[in-house]
C-alpha cells in the first residue's frame, strides 16, 4: 500500500512512507497486553527512537517516497 500510494502521488510532490517500531513501544495498551504476573517487566522499545525517526522522515524532500523503514534501523543509519 505504501509503495502503491507513493507511486500514485509522486507526480503531485506528495511523499508516502511507512515507519514501524522494531519492538513494542510502552503504551497503556501494550503494557496491558504484554505484561502479566509472570512477566511484569516485559521489555519495551524506547518511544524516543520512533519520534526521532518520524522527525527525520518529515524533514526529507518529497522525492524520499515509497520507503518502508524501522525506527531503530533508521536511527542507527542516520546517527540519530
PDB file of N, CA and C in Angstrom:
ATOM      1  N   UNK A   1       0.818  -1.182   0.000  1.00  0.00           N
ATOM      2  CA  UNK A   1       0.000   0.000   0.000  1.00  0.00           C
ATOM      3  C   UNK A   1       0.876   1.266   0.000  1.00  0.00           C
ATOM      4  N   UNK A   2       1.916   1.260   0.834  1.00  0.00           N
ATOM      5  CA  UNK A   2       2.806   2.419   0.908  1.00  0.00           C
ATOM      6  C   UNK A   2       3.417   2.718  -0.448  1.00  0.00           C
ATOM      7  N   UNK A   3       3.955   1.709  -1.076  1.00  0.00           N
ATOM      8  CA  UNK A   3       4.636   1.913  -2.354  1.00  0.00           C
ATOM      9  C   UNK A   3       3.655   2.245  -3.467  1.00  0.00           C
ATOM     10  N   UNK A   4       2.463   1.666  -3.427  1.00  0.00           N
ATOM     11  CA  UNK A   4       1.446   1.989  -4.429  1.00  0.00           C
ATOM     12  C   UNK A   4       1.005   3.435  -4.335  1.00  0.00           C
ATOM     13  N   UNK A   5       0.721   3.896  -3.115  1.00  0.00           N
ATOM     14  CA  UNK A   5       0.342   5.298  -2.928  1.00  0.00           C
ATOM     15  C   UNK A   5       1.485   6.241  -3.277  1.00  0.00           C
ATOM     16  N   UNK A   6       2.699   5.839  -2.945  1.00  0.00           N
ATOM     17  CA  UNK A   6       3.860   6.673  -3.278  1.00  0.00           C
ATOM     18  C   UNK A   6       3.955   6.873  -4.788  1.00  0.00           C
ATOM     19  N   UNK A   7       3.732   5.812  -5.531  1.00  0.00           N
ATOM     20  CA  UNK A   7       3.789   5.920  -6.997  1.00  0.00           C
ATOM     21  C   UNK A   7       2.671   6.811  -7.518  1.00  0.00           C
ATOM     22  N   UNK A   8       1.465   6.673  -6.973  1.00  0.00           N
ATOM     23  CA  UNK A   8       0.322   7.470  -7.424  1.00  0.00           C
ATOM     24  C   UNK A   8       0.496   8.959  -7.136  1.00  0.00           C
ATOM     25  N   UNK A   9       1.089   9.291  -6.010  1.00  0.00           N
ATOM     26  CA  UNK A   9       1.150  10.688  -5.569  1.00  0.00           C
ATOM     27  C   UNK A   9       2.477  11.380  -5.848  1.00  0.00           C
ATOM     28  N   UNK A  10       3.433  10.659  -6.386  1.00  0.00           N
ATOM     29  CA  UNK A  10       4.758  11.219  -6.626  1.00  0.00           C
ATOM     30  C   UNK A  10       4.707  12.431  -7.556  1.00  0.00           C
ATOM     31  N   UNK A  11       3.903  12.370  -8.602  1.00  0.00           N
ATOM     32  CA  UNK A  11       3.820  13.494  -9.550  1.00  0.00           C
ATOM     33  C   UNK A  11       3.274  14.759  -8.890  1.00  0.00           C
ATOM     34  N   UNK A  12       2.509  14.587  -7.812  1.00  0.00           N
ATOM     35  CA  UNK A  12       1.956  15.737  -7.096  1.00  0.00           C
ATOM     36  C   UNK A  12       2.890  16.241  -6.001  1.00  0.00           C
ATOM     37  N   UNK A  13       4.075  15.634  -5.889  1.00  0.00           N
ATOM     38  CA  UNK A  13       5.047  16.059  -4.893  1.00  0.00           C
ATOM     39  C   UNK A  13       4.699  15.632  -3.474  1.00  0.00           C
ATOM     40  N   UNK A  14       3.894  14.580  -3.365  1.00  0.00           N
ATOM     41  CA  UNK A  14       3.487  14.083  -2.048  1.00  0.00           C
ATOM     42  C   UNK A  14       4.231  12.790  -1.764  1.00  0.00           C
ATOM     43  N   UNK A  15       4.950  12.764  -0.646  1.00  0.00           N
ATOM     44  CA  UNK A  15       5.697  11.569  -0.262  1.00  0.00           C
ATOM     45  C   UNK A  15       4.831  10.683   0.626  1.00  0.00           C
ATOM     46  N   UNK A  16       4.966   9.385   0.441  1.00  0.00           N
ATOM     47  CA  UNK A  16       4.274   8.406   1.273  1.00  0.00           C
ATOM     48  C   UNK A  16       5.308   7.390   1.737  1.00  0.00           C
ATOM     49  N   UNK A  17       5.480   7.294   3.040  1.00  0.00           N
ATOM     50  CA  UNK A  17       6.437   6.361   3.627  1.00  0.00           C
ATOM     51  C   UNK A  17       5.774   5.668   4.809  1.00  0.00           C
ATOM     52  N   UNK A  18       6.348   4.555   5.202  1.00  0.00           N
ATOM     53  CA  UNK A  18       5.836   3.807   6.348  1.00  0.00           C
ATOM     54  C   UNK A  18       6.948   3.670   7.384  1.00  0.00           C
ATOM     55  N   UNK A  19       6.635   4.006   8.630  1.00  0.00           N
ATOM     56  CA  UNK A  19       7.589   3.917   9.723  1.00  0.00           C
ATOM     57  C   UNK A  19       7.025   2.969  10.771  1.00  0.00           C
ATOM     58  N   UNK A  20       7.817   1.986  11.141  1.00  0.00           N
ATOM     59  CA  UNK A  20       7.367   0.977  12.093  1.00  0.00           C
ATOM     60  C   UNK A  20       8.376   0.824  13.219  1.00  0.00           C
ATOM     61  N   UNK A  21       7.895   0.579  14.440  1.00  0.00           N
ATOM     62  CA  UNK A  21       8.839   0.283  15.514  1.00  0.00           C
ATOM     63  C   UNK A  21       9.384  -1.129  15.334  1.00  0.00           C
ATOM     64  N   UNK A  22      10.638  -1.345  15.688  1.00  0.00           N
ATOM     65  CA  UNK A  22      11.204  -2.687  15.617  1.00  0.00           C
ATOM     66  C   UNK A  22      10.677  -3.557  16.751  1.00  0.00           C
ATOM     67  N   UNK A  23      10.371  -2.944  17.858  1.00  0.00           N
ATOM     68  CA  UNK A  23       9.873  -3.691  19.008  1.00  0.00           C
ATOM     69  C   UNK A  23       8.492  -3.202  19.390  1.00  0.00           C
ATOM     70  N   UNK A  24       8.186  -3.351  20.657  1.00  0.00           N
ATOM     71  CA  UNK A  24       6.911  -2.910  21.195  1.00  0.00           C
ATOM     72  C   UNK A  24       7.170  -1.676  22.051  1.00  0.00           C
ATOM     73  N   UNK A  25       6.460  -0.603  21.751  1.00  0.00           N
ATOM     74  CA  UNK A  25       6.628   0.644  22.492  1.00  0.00           C
ATOM     75  C   UNK A  25       5.699   0.637  23.708  1.00  0.00           C
ATOM     76  N   UNK A  26       6.218   1.142  24.824  1.00  0.00           N
ATOM     77  CA  UNK A  26       5.429   1.161  26.059  1.00  0.00           C
ATOM     78  C   UNK A  26       4.274   2.162  25.920  1.00  0.00           C
ATOM     79  N   UNK A  27       3.083   1.636  25.785  1.00  0.00           N
ATOM     80  CA  UNK A  27       1.850   2.419  25.803  1.00  0.00           C
ATOM     81  C   UNK A  27       0.920   1.728  26.796  1.00  0.00           C
ATOM     82  N   UNK A  28      -0.134   2.382  27.238  1.00  0.00           N
ATOM     83  CA  UNK A  28      -1.045   1.709  28.166  1.00  0.00           C
ATOM     84  C   UNK A  28      -1.598   0.393  27.589  1.00  0.00           C
ATOM     85  N   UNK A  29      -1.955   0.401  26.320  1.00  0.00           N
ATOM     86  CA  UNK A  29      -2.487  -0.816  25.714  1.00  0.00           C
ATOM     87  C   UNK A  29      -1.456  -1.926  25.620  1.00  0.00           C
ATOM     88  N   UNK A  30      -0.247  -1.583  25.220  1.00  0.00           N
ATOM     89  CA  UNK A  30       0.811  -2.591  25.137  1.00  0.00           C
ATOM     90  C   UNK A  30       1.212  -3.107  26.515  1.00  0.00           C
ATOM     91  N   UNK A  31       1.247  -2.216  27.503  1.00  0.00           N
ATOM     92  CA  UNK A  31       1.565  -2.664  28.866  1.00  0.00           C
ATOM     93  C   UNK A  31       0.524  -3.663  29.337  1.00  0.00           C
ATOM     94  N   UNK A  32      -0.733  -3.398  29.069  1.00  0.00           N
ATOM     95  CA  UNK A  32      -1.805  -4.304  29.470  1.00  0.00           C
ATOM     96  C   UNK A  32      -1.685  -5.643  28.739  1.00  0.00           C
ATOM     97  N   UNK A  33      -1.426  -5.594  27.435  1.00  0.00           N
ATOM     98  CA  UNK A  33      -1.377  -6.813  26.629  1.00  0.00           C
ATOM     99  C   UNK A  33      -0.082  -7.599  26.735  1.00  0.00           C
ATOM    100  N   UNK A  34       1.019  -6.940  27.080  1.00  0.00           N
ATOM    101  CA  UNK A  34       2.328  -7.594  27.065  1.00  0.00           C
ATOM    102  C   UNK A  34       2.834  -8.015  28.437  1.00  0.00           C
ATOM    103  N   UNK A  35       2.187  -7.558  29.494  1.00  0.00           N
ATOM    104  CA  UNK A  35       2.672  -7.910  30.828  1.00  0.00           C
ATOM    105  C   UNK A  35       1.656  -8.789  31.546  1.00  0.00           C
ATOM    106  N   UNK A  36       2.138  -9.538  32.497  1.00  0.00           N
ATOM    107  CA  UNK A  36       1.285 -10.393  33.327  1.00  0.00           C
ATOM    108  C   UNK A  36       1.986 -10.594  34.660  1.00  0.00           C
ATOM    109  N   UNK A  37       1.380 -11.353  35.524  1.00  0.00           N
ATOM    110  CA  UNK A  37       2.010 -11.637  36.812  1.00  0.00           C
ATOM    111  C   UNK A  37       3.326 -12.372  36.624  1.00  0.00           C
ATOM    112  N   UNK A  38       3.399 -13.198  35.576  1.00  0.00           N
ATOM    113  CA  UNK A  38       4.627 -13.951  35.293  1.00  0.00           C
ATOM    114  C   UNK A  38       5.690 -13.096  34.619  1.00  0.00           C
ATOM    115  N   UNK A  39       5.286 -12.102  33.860  1.00  0.00           N
ATOM    116  CA  UNK A  39       6.241 -11.232  33.147  1.00  0.00           C
ATOM    117  C   UNK A  39       5.906  -9.761  33.409  1.00  0.00           C
ATOM    118  N   UNK A  40       6.066  -9.306  34.654  1.00  0.00           N
ATOM    119  CA  UNK A  40       5.707  -7.909  34.946  1.00  0.00           C
ATOM    120  C   UNK A  40       6.666  -6.895  34.334  1.00  0.00           C
ATOM    121  N   UNK A  41       7.856  -7.329  33.987  1.00  0.00           N
ATOM    122  CA  UNK A  41       8.855  -6.414  33.443  1.00  0.00           C
ATOM    123  C   UNK A  41       9.135  -6.700  31.971  1.00  0.00           C
ATOM    124  N   UNK A  42       8.088  -6.822  31.173  1.00  0.00           N
ATOM    125  CA  UNK A  42       8.280  -7.076  29.744  1.00  0.00           C
ATOM    126  C   UNK A  42       9.139  -5.969  29.144  1.00  0.00           C
ATOM    127  N   UNK A  43       9.921  -6.320  28.136  1.00  0.00           N
ATOM    128  CA  UNK A  43      10.811  -5.339  27.506  1.00  0.00           C
ATOM    129  C   UNK A  43      10.057  -4.520  26.466  1.00  0.00           C
ATOM    130  N   UNK A  44      10.255  -3.230  26.533  1.00  0.00           N
ATOM    131  CA  UNK A  44       9.632  -2.313  25.586  1.00  0.00           C
ATOM    132  C   UNK A  44      10.711  -1.469  24.927  1.00  0.00           C
ATOM    133  N   UNK A  45      10.411  -1.034  23.718  1.00  0.00           N
ATOM    134  CA  UNK A  45      11.328  -0.160  22.990  1.00  0.00           C
ATOM    135  C   UNK A  45      11.140   1.275  23.476  1.00  0.00           C
ATOM    136  N   UNK A  46      12.199   2.033  23.432  1.00  0.00           N
ATOM    137  CA  UNK A  46      12.148   3.438  23.815  1.00  0.00           C
ATOM    138  C   UNK A  46      11.367   4.227  22.759  1.00  0.00           C
ATOM    139  N   UNK A  47      10.335   4.934  23.171  1.00  0.00           N
ATOM    140  CA  UNK A  47       9.490   5.682  22.239  1.00  0.00           C
ATOM    141  C   UNK A  47      10.245   6.815  21.547  1.00  0.00           C
ATOM    142  N   UNK A  48      11.324   7.282  22.168  1.00  0.00           N
ATOM    143  CA  UNK A  48      12.093   8.392  21.592  1.00  0.00           C
ATOM    144  C   UNK A  48      12.653   8.033  20.221  1.00  0.00           C
ATOM    145  N   UNK A  49      12.975   6.766  20.001  1.00  0.00           N
ATOM    146  CA  UNK A  49      13.501   6.356  18.691  1.00  0.00           C
ATOM    147  C   UNK A  49      12.459   6.567  17.596  1.00  0.00           C
ATOM    148  N   UNK A  50      11.217   6.235  17.881  1.00  0.00           N
ATOM    149  CA  UNK A  50      10.147   6.432  16.904  1.00  0.00           C
ATOM    150  C   UNK A  50       9.976   7.917  16.604  1.00  0.00           C
ATOM    151  N   UNK A  51      10.061   8.749  17.639  1.00  0.00           N
ATOM    152  CA  UNK A  51       9.938  10.194  17.451  1.00  0.00           C
ATOM    153  C   UNK A  51      11.073  10.766  16.616  1.00  0.00           C
ATOM    154  N   UNK A  52      12.297  10.355  16.914  1.00  0.00           N
ATOM    155  CA  UNK A  52      13.452  10.834  16.139  1.00  0.00           C
ATOM    156  C   UNK A  52      13.348  10.412  14.681  1.00  0.00           C
ATOM    157  N   UNK A  53      12.948   9.172  14.453  1.00  0.00           N
ATOM    158  CA  UNK A  53      12.823   8.671  13.082  1.00  0.00           C
ATOM    159  C   UNK A  53      11.708   9.408  12.332  1.00  0.00           C
ATOM    160  N   UNK A  54      10.609   9.690  13.023  1.00  0.00           N
ATOM    161  CA  UNK A  54       9.496  10.407  12.389  1.00  0.00           C
ATOM    162  C   UNK A  54       9.901  11.822  12.001  1.00  0.00           C
ATOM    163  N   UNK A  55      10.606  12.508  12.885  1.00  0.00           N
ATOM    164  CA  UNK A  55      11.063  13.870  12.580  1.00  0.00           C
ATOM    165  C   UNK A  55      12.009  13.844  11.383  1.00  0.00           C
ATOM    166  N   UNK A  56      12.950  12.884  11.375  1.00  0.00           N
ATOM    167  CA  UNK A  56      13.896  12.786  10.263  1.00  0.00           C
ATOM    168  C   UNK A  56      13.143  12.561   8.948  1.00  0.00           C
ATOM    169  N   UNK A  57      12.163  11.658   8.946  1.00  0.00           N
ATOM    170  CA  UNK A  57      11.416  11.384   7.716  1.00  0.00           C
ATOM    171  C   UNK A  57      10.664  12.620   7.225  1.00  0.00           C
ATOM    172  N   UNK A  58      10.099  13.377   8.153  1.00  0.00           N
ATOM    173  CA  UNK A  58       9.347  14.580   7.770  1.00  0.00           C
ATOM    174  C   UNK A  58      10.243  15.676   7.202  1.00  0.00           C
ATOM    175  N   UNK A  59      11.517  15.630   7.506  1.00  0.00           N
ATOM    176  CA  UNK A  59      12.455  16.636   7.017  1.00  0.00           C
ATOM    177  C   UNK A  59      13.021  16.302   5.636  1.00  0.00           C
ATOM    178  N   UNK A  60      12.682  15.133   5.114  1.00  0.00           N
ATOM    179  CA  UNK A  60      13.217  14.725   3.819  1.00  0.00           C
ATOM    180  C   UNK A  60      12.424  15.369   2.681  1.00  0.00           C
ATOM    181  N   UNK A  61      13.048  15.540   1.530  1.00  0.00           N
ATOM    182  CA  UNK A  61      12.327  16.095   0.380  1.00  0.00           C
ATOM    183  C   UNK A  61      11.252  15.112  -0.095  1.00  0.00           C
ATOM    184  N   UNK A  62      10.305  15.611  -0.855  1.00  0.00           N
ATOM    185  CA  UNK A  62       9.200  14.757  -1.315  1.00  0.00           C
ATOM    186  C   UNK A  62       9.676  13.629  -2.233  1.00  0.00           C
ATOM    187  N   UNK A  63      10.914  13.722  -2.708  1.00  0.00           N
ATOM    188  CA  UNK A  63      11.448  12.627  -3.531  1.00  0.00           C
ATOM    189  C   UNK A  63      11.791  11.401  -2.680  1.00  0.00           C
ATOM    190  N   UNK A  64      11.862  11.568  -1.349  1.00  0.00           N
ATOM    191  CA  UNK A  64      12.067  10.439  -0.445  1.00  0.00           C
ATOM    192  C   UNK A  64      10.694   9.821  -0.204  1.00  0.00           C
ATOM    193  N   UNK A  65      10.320   8.886  -1.054  1.00  0.00           N
ATOM    194  CA  UNK A  65       8.970   8.325  -1.010  1.00  0.00           C
ATOM    195  C   UNK A  65       8.993   6.830  -1.333  1.00  0.00           C
ATOM    196  N   UNK A  66       8.010   6.131  -0.810  1.00  0.00           N
ATOM    197  CA  UNK A  66       7.894   4.702  -1.068  1.00  0.00           C
ATOM    198  C   UNK A  66       8.747   3.831  -0.165  1.00  0.00           C
ATOM    199  N   UNK A  67       9.242   4.393   0.925  1.00  0.00           N
ATOM    200  CA  UNK A  67      10.128   3.640   1.821  1.00  0.00           C
ATOM    201  C   UNK A  67       9.348   3.015   2.971  1.00  0.00           C
ATOM    202  N   UNK A  68       9.738   1.818   3.329  1.00  0.00           N
ATOM    203  CA  UNK A  68       9.200   1.126   4.497  1.00  0.00           C
ATOM    204  C   UNK A  68      10.385   0.901   5.418  1.00  0.00           C
ATOM    205  N   UNK A  69      10.416   1.609   6.551  1.00  0.00           N
ATOM    206  CA  UNK A  69      11.592   1.577   7.422  1.00  0.00           C
ATOM    207  C   UNK A  69      11.201   1.278   8.866  1.00  0.00           C
ATOM    208  N   UNK A  70      12.199   0.816   9.616  1.00  0.00           N
ATOM    209  CA  UNK A  70      12.036   0.556  11.040  1.00  0.00           C
ATOM    210  C   UNK A  70      12.802   1.615  11.824  1.00  0.00           C
ATOM    211  N   UNK A  71      12.209   2.086  12.906  1.00  0.00           N
ATOM    212  CA  UNK A  71      12.767   3.211  13.656  1.00  0.00           C
ATOM    213  C   UNK A  71      14.191   2.988  14.143  1.00  0.00           C
ATOM    214  N   UNK A  72      14.482   1.853  14.763  1.00  0.00           N
ATOM    215  CA  UNK A  72      15.821   1.612  15.298  1.00  0.00           C
ATOM    216  C   UNK A  72      16.861   1.581  14.192  1.00  0.00           C
ATOM    217  N   UNK A  73      16.529   0.927  13.103  1.00  0.00           N
ATOM    218  CA  UNK A  73      17.451   0.834  11.965  1.00  0.00           C
ATOM    219  C   UNK A  73      17.718   2.212  11.362  1.00  0.00           C
ATOM    220  N   UNK A  74      16.666   3.004  11.185  1.00  0.00           N
ATOM    221  CA  UNK A  74      16.824   4.345  10.617  1.00  0.00           C
ATOM    222  C   UNK A  74      17.662   5.231  11.530  1.00  0.00           C
ATOM    223  N   UNK A  75      17.408   5.182  12.836  1.00  0.00           N
ATOM    224  CA  UNK A  75      18.186   5.983  13.788  1.00  0.00           C
ATOM    225  C   UNK A  75      19.649   5.583  13.765  1.00  0.00           C
ATOM    226  N   UNK A  76      19.905   4.300  13.669  1.00  0.00           N
ATOM    227  CA  UNK A  76      21.300   3.820  13.619  1.00  0.00           C
ATOM    228  C   UNK A  76      21.967   4.283  12.328  1.00  0.00           C
ATOM    229  N   UNK A  77      21.297   4.147  11.203  1.00  0.00           N
ATOM    230  CA  UNK A  77      21.870   4.534   9.916  1.00  0.00           C
ATOM    231  C   UNK A  77      22.114   6.030   9.815  1.00  0.00           C
ATOM    232  N   UNK A  78      21.216   6.832  10.388  1.00  0.00           N
ATOM    233  CA  UNK A  78      21.312   8.289  10.271  1.00  0.00           C
ATOM    234  C   UNK A  78      22.014   8.940  11.456  1.00  0.00           C
ATOM    235  N   UNK A  79      22.442   8.157  12.422  1.00  0.00           N
ATOM    236  CA  UNK A  79      23.136   8.699  13.576  1.00  0.00           C
ATOM    237  C   UNK A  79      22.249   9.544  14.473  1.00  0.00           C
ATOM    238  N   UNK A  80      21.010   9.169  14.594  1.00  0.00           N
ATOM    239  CA  UNK A  80      20.054   9.944  15.405  1.00  0.00           C
ATOM    240  C   UNK A  80      20.044   9.495  16.852  1.00  0.00           C
TER     241      UNK A  80
END
